[in-house]
Amino acid sequence: MSLNSLALIENWPVPTAAAGVVRADGTVLGTHGPTGRRFPLASVTKPIAAYAALVAHEEGAVELDEPAGPGGSTVRHLLAHTSGLAFDEHKVTAPPGERRLYSNAGFEQLGDHIARATDIPFAEYLRQAVLDPLGMTSTSLDGSPAKDGVSTVDDLLRFAAELQAPRLLDPRTVAEATTVQYPGTRGVLPGYGRQDPNDWGLGLEIRDGKSPHWTGASSSPRTFGHFGQSGTFLWVDPVAGLACVALTDRAFGPWAVEAWPPFTDAVLAETR
């Protein structure tokens, strides 16, 4: 399986990269690089952790608007980065719902909350709720639900197909997760500066009109996904009807800001 556009990862200044593109029906349109190699996901862990939280919600273990995290915050606030928790510290820096404060601490408190509600350690709940049902046998969570996932392109393509055509969740739940929560909220998109508004769904960043952005100039405003500080990303473009995953072993930096948007535009142009 090949898409010529995926070969652009050969030009990225990284030791190793792998990428793939998948449609909603699970058809893999192309892959490039070692797609079975396990890479640290960094924050691409968050959408998978969020999916487990949404399974817990559908199972009745938690409600989206029940208290969780700091005072006044809810499960929804934690998923949407509006709990007021700091980036990497478990301290409150704003009232809930006021600002989009991207927070690893928020996802750690979310994981703790679900573990208490289900009486199952979060990593194990994630495995039972998401990884095993999707056949993501090379994926594991070894620490923080914010950033300590490890996976392969092959596994993430299974997850990206699920995001487009849900089997584990009611499609209406995924539609809510990809709808802006707390519209108009300002904040900083890590690596890309202040965005007004800084739109997010539930554990998924929504492109909308953000500029600059890590997706392409031709990505639709409805595009959603996540990138990670380990040089990783996953996006779904519902208008194009496909998703793309790229994993590398070089930390995010100016190289990624430069390389990722034209790569995405090339993928979209070739599959249009």
Protein backbone atom coordinates (compact mmCIF):
# COMPACT_ATOMS: atom_id res chain seq x y z
CA MET A 1 0.00 0.00 0.00
CA SER A 2 1.48 3.32 -0.92
CA LEU A 3 0.70 6.99 -1.17
CA ASN A 4 3.48 9.03 -2.70
CA SER A 5 2.80 11.84 -0.25
CA LEU A 6 3.67 9.65 2.74
CA ALA A 7 7.22 9.29 1.43
CA LEU A 8 7.76 12.95 2.36
CA ILE A 9 8.60 11.70 5.88
CA GLU A 10 11.92 10.58 4.36
CA ASN A 11 12.84 14.27 4.19
CA TRP A 12 12.03 15.00 7.83
CA PRO A 13 15.13 15.66 9.97
CA VAL A 14 14.36 12.73 12.30
CA PRO A 15 16.14 9.42 12.92
CA THR A 16 12.98 7.36 12.37
CA ALA A 17 9.45 8.13 11.19
CA ALA A 18 6.40 6.12 10.24
CA ALA A 19 3.05 7.28 8.88
CA GLY A 20 -0.25 6.00 7.57
CA VAL A 21 -3.64 7.09 6.24
CA VAL A 22 -6.96 5.36 6.92
CA ARG A 23 -10.56 5.86 5.84
CA ALA A 24 -13.58 5.55 8.11
CA ASP A 25 -14.29 1.99 6.98
CA GLY A 26 -10.84 0.91 8.13
CA THR A 27 -9.33 0.84 4.64
CA VAL A 28 -5.65 1.74 4.98
CA LEU A 29 -4.86 3.89 1.94
CA GLY A 30 -1.13 3.81 2.50
CA THR A 31 1.69 3.51 5.00
CA HIS A 32 5.38 4.39 5.01
CA GLY A 33 8.15 3.49 7.41
CA PRO A 34 8.23 0.98 10.29
CA THR A 35 4.51 0.96 11.13
CA GLY A 36 4.93 -1.84 13.69
CA ARG A 37 7.59 0.00 15.68
CA ARG A 38 6.52 1.27 19.10
CA PHE A 39 7.06 5.00 19.65
CA PRO A 40 6.37 7.14 22.75
CA LEU A 41 3.18 9.09 21.98
CA ALA A 42 3.58 11.97 24.41
CA SER A 43 0.28 13.94 24.25
CA VAL A 44 -1.21 11.78 21.49
CA THR A 45 -1.95 9.64 24.57
CA LYS A 46 -4.69 12.11 25.52
CA PRO A 47 -7.27 11.29 22.80
CA ILE A 48 -7.01 7.57 23.66
CA ALA A 49 -7.37 8.32 27.38
CA ALA A 50 -10.32 10.61 26.59
CA TYR A 51 -11.97 7.81 24.61
CA ALA A 52 -11.74 5.56 27.68
CA ALA A 53 -13.33 8.34 29.74
CA LEU A 54 -16.20 8.52 27.25
CA VAL A 55 -16.66 4.73 27.48
CA ALA A 56 -16.85 5.13 31.27
CA HIS A 57 -19.47 7.83 30.71
CA GLU A 58 -21.57 5.60 28.43
CA GLU A 59 -21.25 2.72 30.91
CA GLY A 60 -22.67 4.99 33.62
CA ALA A 61 -19.53 5.00 35.76
CA VAL A 62 -19.11 8.77 35.43
CA GLU A 63 -21.18 11.70 34.18
CA LEU A 64 -19.58 14.42 32.10
CA ASP A 65 -20.92 17.14 34.36
CA GLU A 66 -20.17 15.55 37.72
CA PRO A 67 -17.52 17.15 39.97
CA ALA A 68 -13.94 16.10 39.19
CA GLY A 69 -10.60 17.81 39.63
CA PRO A 70 -10.37 21.15 41.49
CA GLY A 71 -13.37 22.78 43.17
CA GLY A 72 -16.10 23.72 40.71
CA SER A 73 -14.56 21.63 37.94
CA THR A 74 -16.21 18.64 36.22
CA VAL A 75 -15.17 15.69 34.06
CA ARG A 76 -16.10 17.85 31.06
CA HIS A 77 -13.81 20.67 32.23
CA LEU A 78 -10.90 18.23 32.60
CA LEU A 79 -11.46 16.78 29.12
CA ALA A 80 -11.75 20.25 27.56
CA HIS A 81 -8.72 21.79 29.30
CA THR A 82 -10.87 24.32 31.15
CA SER A 83 -10.54 23.03 34.73
CA GLY A 84 -8.17 25.85 35.65
CA LEU A 85 -5.34 23.47 36.51
CA ALA A 86 -1.81 24.45 35.50
CA PHE A 87 0.07 22.77 32.65
CA ASP A 88 2.17 20.28 34.62
CA GLU A 89 1.39 21.15 38.23
CA HIS A 90 -1.59 20.16 40.32
CA LYS A 91 -2.35 23.76 41.25
CA VAL A 92 -5.28 25.94 40.23
CA THR A 93 -4.46 29.04 38.19
CA ALA A 94 -7.94 30.09 36.98
CA PRO A 95 -11.62 29.43 37.73
CA PRO A 96 -13.16 26.48 35.82
CA GLY A 97 -14.46 27.34 32.36
CA GLU A 98 -12.74 30.70 32.13
CA ARG A 99 -9.59 29.97 30.10
CA ARG A 100 -8.27 27.13 27.94
CA LEU A 101 -5.30 26.09 30.06
CA TYR A 102 -3.81 23.03 28.40
CA SER A 103 -3.14 20.72 31.32
CA ASN A 104 -1.36 17.40 31.76
CA ALA A 105 -2.35 17.62 35.42
CA GLY A 106 -6.00 17.75 34.36
CA PHE A 107 -5.72 14.46 32.49
CA GLU A 108 -3.93 12.89 35.45
CA GLN A 109 -6.78 13.92 37.73
CA LEU A 110 -9.24 12.61 35.14
CA GLY A 111 -7.49 9.23 35.17
CA ASP A 112 -7.57 9.14 38.97
CA HIS A 113 -11.27 10.04 38.96
CA ILE A 114 -12.16 7.22 36.56
CA ALA A 115 -10.03 4.73 38.47
CA ARG A 116 -11.95 5.56 41.65
CA ALA A 117 -15.31 5.45 39.88
CA THR A 118 -14.65 2.07 38.23
CA ASP A 119 -12.42 0.56 40.94
CA ILE A 120 -9.98 -0.35 38.14
CA PRO A 121 -6.52 1.23 37.66
CA PHE A 122 -6.82 3.64 34.74
CA ALA A 123 -4.23 1.90 32.54
CA GLU A 124 -6.13 -1.36 32.97
CA TYR A 125 -9.48 0.31 32.32
CA LEU A 126 -8.03 1.84 29.14
CA ARG A 127 -6.88 -1.61 28.01
CA GLN A 128 -10.26 -3.22 28.66
CA ALA A 129 -12.36 -0.34 27.29
CA VAL A 130 -10.39 0.73 24.20
CA LEU A 131 -7.17 -1.11 23.40
CA ASP A 132 -8.34 -4.74 23.51
CA PRO A 133 -11.66 -4.17 21.67
CA LEU A 134 -9.85 -2.34 18.85
CA GLY A 135 -7.04 -4.90 18.62
CA MET A 136 -4.43 -2.34 19.67
CA THR A 137 -2.15 -5.07 21.00
CA SER A 138 1.08 -3.03 20.71
CA THR A 139 -0.25 -0.07 22.71
CA SER A 140 0.23 0.44 26.44
CA LEU A 141 -0.04 3.16 29.05
CA ASP A 142 2.91 3.09 31.42
CA GLY A 143 2.30 6.10 33.64
CA SER A 144 0.44 9.36 33.09
CA PRO A 145 -2.77 9.29 31.00
CA ALA A 146 -1.65 12.71 29.74
CA LYS A 147 1.58 11.63 28.06
CA ASP A 148 2.93 8.14 28.78
CA GLY A 149 1.30 6.05 26.05
CA VAL A 150 3.39 3.97 23.66
CA SER A 151 1.98 2.73 20.35
CA THR A 152 2.54 1.97 16.68
CA VAL A 153 1.20 3.50 13.48
CA ASP A 154 -0.66 0.22 12.83
CA ASP A 155 -2.49 0.47 16.16
CA LEU A 156 -3.23 4.18 15.84
CA LEU A 157 -4.74 3.64 12.39
CA ARG A 158 -7.24 1.31 14.11
CA PHE A 159 -8.02 4.05 16.62
CA ALA A 160 -8.27 6.67 13.85
CA ALA A 161 -10.80 4.48 12.02
CA GLU A 162 -12.80 4.22 15.26
CA LEU A 163 -12.84 8.00 15.62
CA GLN A 164 -14.39 8.24 12.15
CA ALA A 165 -16.89 5.37 12.46
CA PRO A 166 -17.39 4.57 16.16
CA ARG A 167 -18.08 1.01 17.27
CA LEU A 168 -17.17 1.36 20.95
CA LEU A 169 -19.18 4.54 21.49
CA ASP A 170 -22.49 5.94 20.31
CA PRO A 171 -21.72 8.19 17.31
CA ARG A 172 -23.53 10.99 19.13
CA THR A 173 -20.95 10.83 21.93
CA VAL A 174 -18.10 11.16 19.44
CA ALA A 175 -19.97 14.01 17.75
CA GLU A 176 -20.07 15.80 21.10
CA ALA A 177 -16.38 15.09 21.68
CA THR A 178 -15.58 16.75 18.35
CA THR A 179 -17.81 19.76 19.01
CA VAL A 180 -16.35 22.88 20.63
CA GLN A 181 -16.77 22.86 24.40
CA TYR A 182 -17.00 26.27 26.11
CA PRO A 183 -17.03 28.23 22.80
CA GLY A 184 -15.07 31.46 22.65
CA THR A 185 -12.52 30.39 25.27
CA ARG A 186 -9.06 31.85 24.74
CA GLY A 187 -5.82 30.09 25.49
CA VAL A 188 -2.37 29.02 24.35
CA LEU A 189 -1.94 26.12 21.95
CA PRO A 190 1.40 24.63 23.05
CA GLY A 191 4.04 25.28 20.41
CA TYR A 192 1.78 27.64 18.47
CA GLY A 193 1.08 30.51 20.85
CA ARG A 194 -2.09 32.32 21.88
CA GLN A 195 -5.27 31.46 20.01
CA ASP A 196 -8.52 33.38 20.34
CA PRO A 197 -10.58 31.30 20.43
CA ASN A 198 -8.59 28.18 21.28
CA ASP A 199 -11.20 25.58 20.36
CA TRP A 200 -11.23 22.09 21.87
CA GLY A 201 -13.73 19.28 22.12
CA LEU A 202 -13.46 16.52 24.72
CA GLY A 203 -9.83 15.40 24.65
CA LEU A 204 -9.54 16.41 21.00
CA GLU A 205 -8.26 19.69 19.61
CA ILE A 206 -10.47 21.20 16.89
CA ARG A 207 -8.77 23.09 14.10
CA ASP A 208 -11.47 25.63 13.24
CA GLY A 209 -9.73 28.84 12.13
CA LYS A 210 -6.54 28.55 14.18
CA SER A 211 -3.43 30.10 12.68
CA PRO A 212 -0.66 29.06 12.93
CA HIS A 213 -1.55 25.37 13.22
CA TRP A 214 0.09 21.97 12.93
CA THR A 215 -2.37 20.67 10.30
CA GLY A 216 -2.42 21.87 6.68
CA ALA A 217 -3.63 25.01 4.96
CA SER A 218 -6.14 22.79 3.14
CA SER A 219 -7.33 20.98 6.29
CA SER A 220 -11.03 21.60 6.85
CA PRO A 221 -12.08 23.63 9.92
CA ARG A 222 -13.76 20.45 11.21
CA THR A 223 -10.40 18.66 11.42
CA PHE A 224 -9.68 17.34 14.90
CA GLY A 225 -6.90 15.43 16.59
CA HIS A 226 -3.76 15.91 18.67
CA PHE A 227 -0.02 16.23 18.42
CA GLY A 228 2.66 15.25 20.91
CA GLN A 229 5.96 16.64 22.14
CA SER A 230 7.64 13.40 21.00
CA GLY A 231 7.14 14.46 17.37
CA THR A 232 3.85 12.62 16.88
CA PHE A 233 0.40 13.48 15.54
CA LEU A 234 -3.00 12.08 14.65
CA TRP A 235 -5.59 14.08 12.74
CA VAL A 236 -9.03 13.26 11.37
CA ASP A 237 -10.50 15.40 8.58
CA PRO A 238 -14.22 14.53 8.34
CA VAL A 239 -14.62 16.55 5.14
CA ALA A 240 -11.83 14.62 3.41
CA GLY A 241 -13.13 11.38 4.93
CA LEU A 242 -9.79 10.18 6.22
CA ALA A 243 -7.30 10.27 9.05
CA CYS A 244 -3.52 10.43 9.19
CA VAL A 245 -1.02 9.29 11.82
CA ALA A 246 2.68 10.11 11.99
CA LEU A 247 5.11 8.96 14.69
CA THR A 248 8.77 9.95 15.04
CA ASP A 249 11.60 9.65 17.53
CA ARG A 250 12.56 13.33 17.55
CA ALA A 251 11.04 15.85 19.94
CA PHE A 252 8.60 18.40 18.50
CA GLY A 253 10.26 21.65 17.50
CA PRO A 254 10.71 24.09 14.61
CA TRP A 255 11.35 21.16 12.26
CA ALA A 256 7.79 19.89 12.87
CA VAL A 257 6.23 23.35 12.57
CA GLU A 258 7.87 23.55 9.14
CA ALA A 259 7.38 19.96 7.94
CA TRP A 260 3.92 18.91 9.10
CA PRO A 261 1.56 21.34 7.28
CA PRO A 262 2.94 20.73 3.76
CA PHE A 263 2.94 17.00 4.48
CA THR A 264 -0.74 17.15 5.45
CA ASP A 265 -1.57 19.26 2.39
CA ALA A 266 0.19 16.70 0.17
CA VAL A 267 -1.78 13.82 1.72
CA LEU A 268 -5.06 15.69 1.26
CA ALA A 269 -4.22 16.61 -2.34
CA GLU A 270 -3.29 13.04 -3.26
CA THR A 271 -6.40 11.50 -1.69
CA ARG A 272 -8.90 14.11 -2.85
